[in-house]
Amino acid sequence: QARRRGKDGRMPSAEDMLKTFATVFTAHEKQEIRSALNDGTGMHVNDDDAKEEVFRRHWSLKESLVKAMGVGLALELGRAE
């Protein structure tokens, strides 16, 4: 799980995580994260666990891209989608 309790003991929300990584994701990716749905129970519920899963998927894809290109963080991640 990417979310860790802060100094205040509160678990950051997906929106908090998006603020922290504001320049990393494109507008389209941010929208996908914000609109993530968890339908594991057959019901569509908008929740932070589903949003975190989509967040992690996008982050992992970006990480894989820069590693494959061999450019590391020299690439502006917000430009890669």
C-alpha atoms as a PDB file:
ATOM      1  CA  GLN A   1       0.000   0.000   0.000  1.00  0.00           C
ATOM      2  CA  ALA A   2       1.441   3.365  -1.010  1.00  0.00           C
ATOM      3  CA  ARG A   3      -0.389   5.310   1.648  1.00  0.00           C
ATOM      4  CA  ARG A   4       1.273   5.626   5.030  1.00  0.00           C
ATOM      5  CA  ARG A   5      -0.023   7.399   8.085  1.00  0.00           C
ATOM      6  CA  GLY A   6       1.282  10.920   8.426  1.00  0.00           C
ATOM      7  CA  LYS A   7       2.724  12.499  11.556  1.00  0.00           C
ATOM      8  CA  ASP A   8      -0.816  13.422  12.523  1.00  0.00           C
ATOM      9  CA  GLY A   9      -1.819   9.713  12.448  1.00  0.00           C
ATOM     10  CA  ARG A  10      -4.139  10.281   9.485  1.00  0.00           C
ATOM     11  CA  MET A  11      -4.017   8.090   6.384  1.00  0.00           C
ATOM     12  CA  PRO A  12      -3.593  10.359   3.328  1.00  0.00           C
ATOM     13  CA  SER A  13      -6.423  10.238   0.819  1.00  0.00           C
ATOM     14  CA  ALA A  14      -5.926   9.554  -2.872  1.00  0.00           C
ATOM     15  CA  GLU A  15      -6.446  13.288  -3.417  1.00  0.00           C
ATOM     16  CA  ASP A  16      -3.618  14.018  -0.947  1.00  0.00           C
ATOM     17  CA  MET A  17      -1.386  11.664  -2.916  1.00  0.00           C
ATOM     18  CA  LEU A  18      -2.302  13.380  -6.185  1.00  0.00           C
ATOM     19  CA  LYS A  19      -1.372  16.751  -4.658  1.00  0.00           C
ATOM     20  CA  THR A  20       2.008  15.356  -3.609  1.00  0.00           C
ATOM     21  CA  PHE A  21       2.637  13.988  -7.116  1.00  0.00           C
ATOM     22  CA  ALA A  22       0.949  16.878  -8.957  1.00  0.00           C
ATOM     23  CA  THR A  23       3.603  17.205 -11.668  1.00  0.00           C
ATOM     24  CA  VAL A  24       3.998  13.458 -12.244  1.00  0.00           C
ATOM     25  CA  PHE A  25       0.604  12.620 -13.753  1.00  0.00           C
ATOM     26  CA  THR A  26      -1.109  14.033 -16.821  1.00  0.00           C
ATOM     27  CA  ALA A  27      -4.611  15.500 -16.589  1.00  0.00           C
ATOM     28  CA  HIS A  28      -6.019  12.321 -18.152  1.00  0.00           C
ATOM     29  CA  GLU A  29      -4.220  10.083 -15.642  1.00  0.00           C
ATOM     30  CA  LYS A  30      -5.392  12.225 -12.718  1.00  0.00           C
ATOM     31  CA  GLN A  31      -8.966  11.904 -13.970  1.00  0.00           C
ATOM     32  CA  GLU A  32      -8.612   8.114 -14.237  1.00  0.00           C
ATOM     33  CA  ILE A  33      -7.305   7.962 -10.665  1.00  0.00           C
ATOM     34  CA  ARG A  34     -10.049  10.225  -9.326  1.00  0.00           C
ATOM     35  CA  SER A  35     -12.794   8.233 -11.024  1.00  0.00           C
ATOM     36  CA  ALA A  36     -11.534   4.766 -10.052  1.00  0.00           C
ATOM     37  CA  LEU A  37     -14.285   2.392  -9.011  1.00  0.00           C
ATOM     38  CA  ASN A  38     -14.033  -0.658  -6.788  1.00  0.00           C
ATOM     39  CA  ASP A  39     -16.551  -3.250  -7.898  1.00  0.00           C
ATOM     40  CA  GLY A  40     -15.136  -6.231  -5.984  1.00  0.00           C
ATOM     41  CA  THR A  41     -18.493  -6.678  -4.240  1.00  0.00           C
ATOM     42  CA  GLY A  42     -20.527  -6.283  -7.385  1.00  0.00           C
ATOM     43  CA  MET A  43     -21.389  -2.721  -6.375  1.00  0.00           C
ATOM     44  CA  HIS A  44     -19.634   0.314  -7.799  1.00  0.00           C
ATOM     45  CA  VAL A  45     -18.196   2.292  -4.918  1.00  0.00           C
ATOM     46  CA  ASN A  46     -15.863   5.228  -5.297  1.00  0.00           C
ATOM     47  CA  ASP A  47     -13.150   4.607  -2.698  1.00  0.00           C
ATOM     48  CA  ASP A  48      -9.534   5.396  -1.921  1.00  0.00           C
ATOM     49  CA  ASP A  49      -8.371   1.770  -2.203  1.00  0.00           C
ATOM     50  CA  ALA A  50      -9.493   1.617  -5.832  1.00  0.00           C
ATOM     51  CA  LYS A  51      -7.948   5.027  -6.490  1.00  0.00           C
ATOM     52  CA  GLU A  52      -4.684   3.908  -4.917  1.00  0.00           C
ATOM     53  CA  GLU A  53      -4.630   0.834  -7.145  1.00  0.00           C
ATOM     54  CA  VAL A  54      -4.971   2.979 -10.291  1.00  0.00           C
ATOM     55  CA  PHE A  55      -2.421   5.463  -8.888  1.00  0.00           C
ATOM     56  CA  ARG A  56       0.084   2.635  -8.354  1.00  0.00           C
ATOM     57  CA  ARG A  57      -0.562   1.214 -11.832  1.00  0.00           C
ATOM     58  CA  HIS A  58       0.163   4.567 -13.501  1.00  0.00           C
ATOM     59  CA  TRP A  59       3.230   5.150 -11.299  1.00  0.00           C
ATOM     60  CA  SER A  60       4.593   1.665 -12.085  1.00  0.00           C
ATOM     61  CA  LEU A  61       4.142   2.211 -15.817  1.00  0.00           C
ATOM     62  CA  LYS A  62       6.016   5.510 -15.655  1.00  0.00           C
ATOM     63  CA  GLU A  63       8.776   3.928 -13.583  1.00  0.00           C
ATOM     64  CA  SER A  64       9.097   1.095 -16.114  1.00  0.00           C
ATOM     65  CA  LEU A  65       9.243   3.569 -18.993  1.00  0.00           C
ATOM     66  CA  VAL A  66      12.106   5.632 -17.589  1.00  0.00           C
ATOM     67  CA  LYS A  67      14.031   2.482 -16.671  1.00  0.00           C
ATOM     68  CA  ALA A  68      13.568   1.028 -20.161  1.00  0.00           C
ATOM     69  CA  MET A  69      14.665   4.301 -21.740  1.00  0.00           C
ATOM     70  CA  GLY A  70      17.614   4.567 -19.359  1.00  0.00           C
ATOM     71  CA  VAL A  71      16.895   8.212 -18.609  1.00  0.00           C
ATOM     72  CA  GLY A  72      15.828   7.991 -14.976  1.00  0.00           C
ATOM     73  CA  LEU A  73      14.083  11.023 -13.579  1.00  0.00           C
ATOM     74  CA  ALA A  74      15.589  13.265 -16.249  1.00  0.00           C
ATOM     75  CA  LEU A  75      12.334  12.653 -18.121  1.00  0.00           C
ATOM     76  CA  GLU A  76       9.482  14.909 -17.055  1.00  0.00           C
ATOM     77  CA  LEU A  77       7.033  12.239 -15.902  1.00  0.00           C
ATOM     78  CA  GLY A  78       4.064  14.549 -16.376  1.00  0.00           C
ATOM     79  CA  ARG A  79       4.745  14.520 -20.115  1.00  0.00           C
ATOM     80  CA  ALA A  80       4.663  10.722 -20.426  1.00  0.00           C
ATOM     81  CA  GLU A  81       1.266   9.053 -20.677  1.00  0.00           C
END
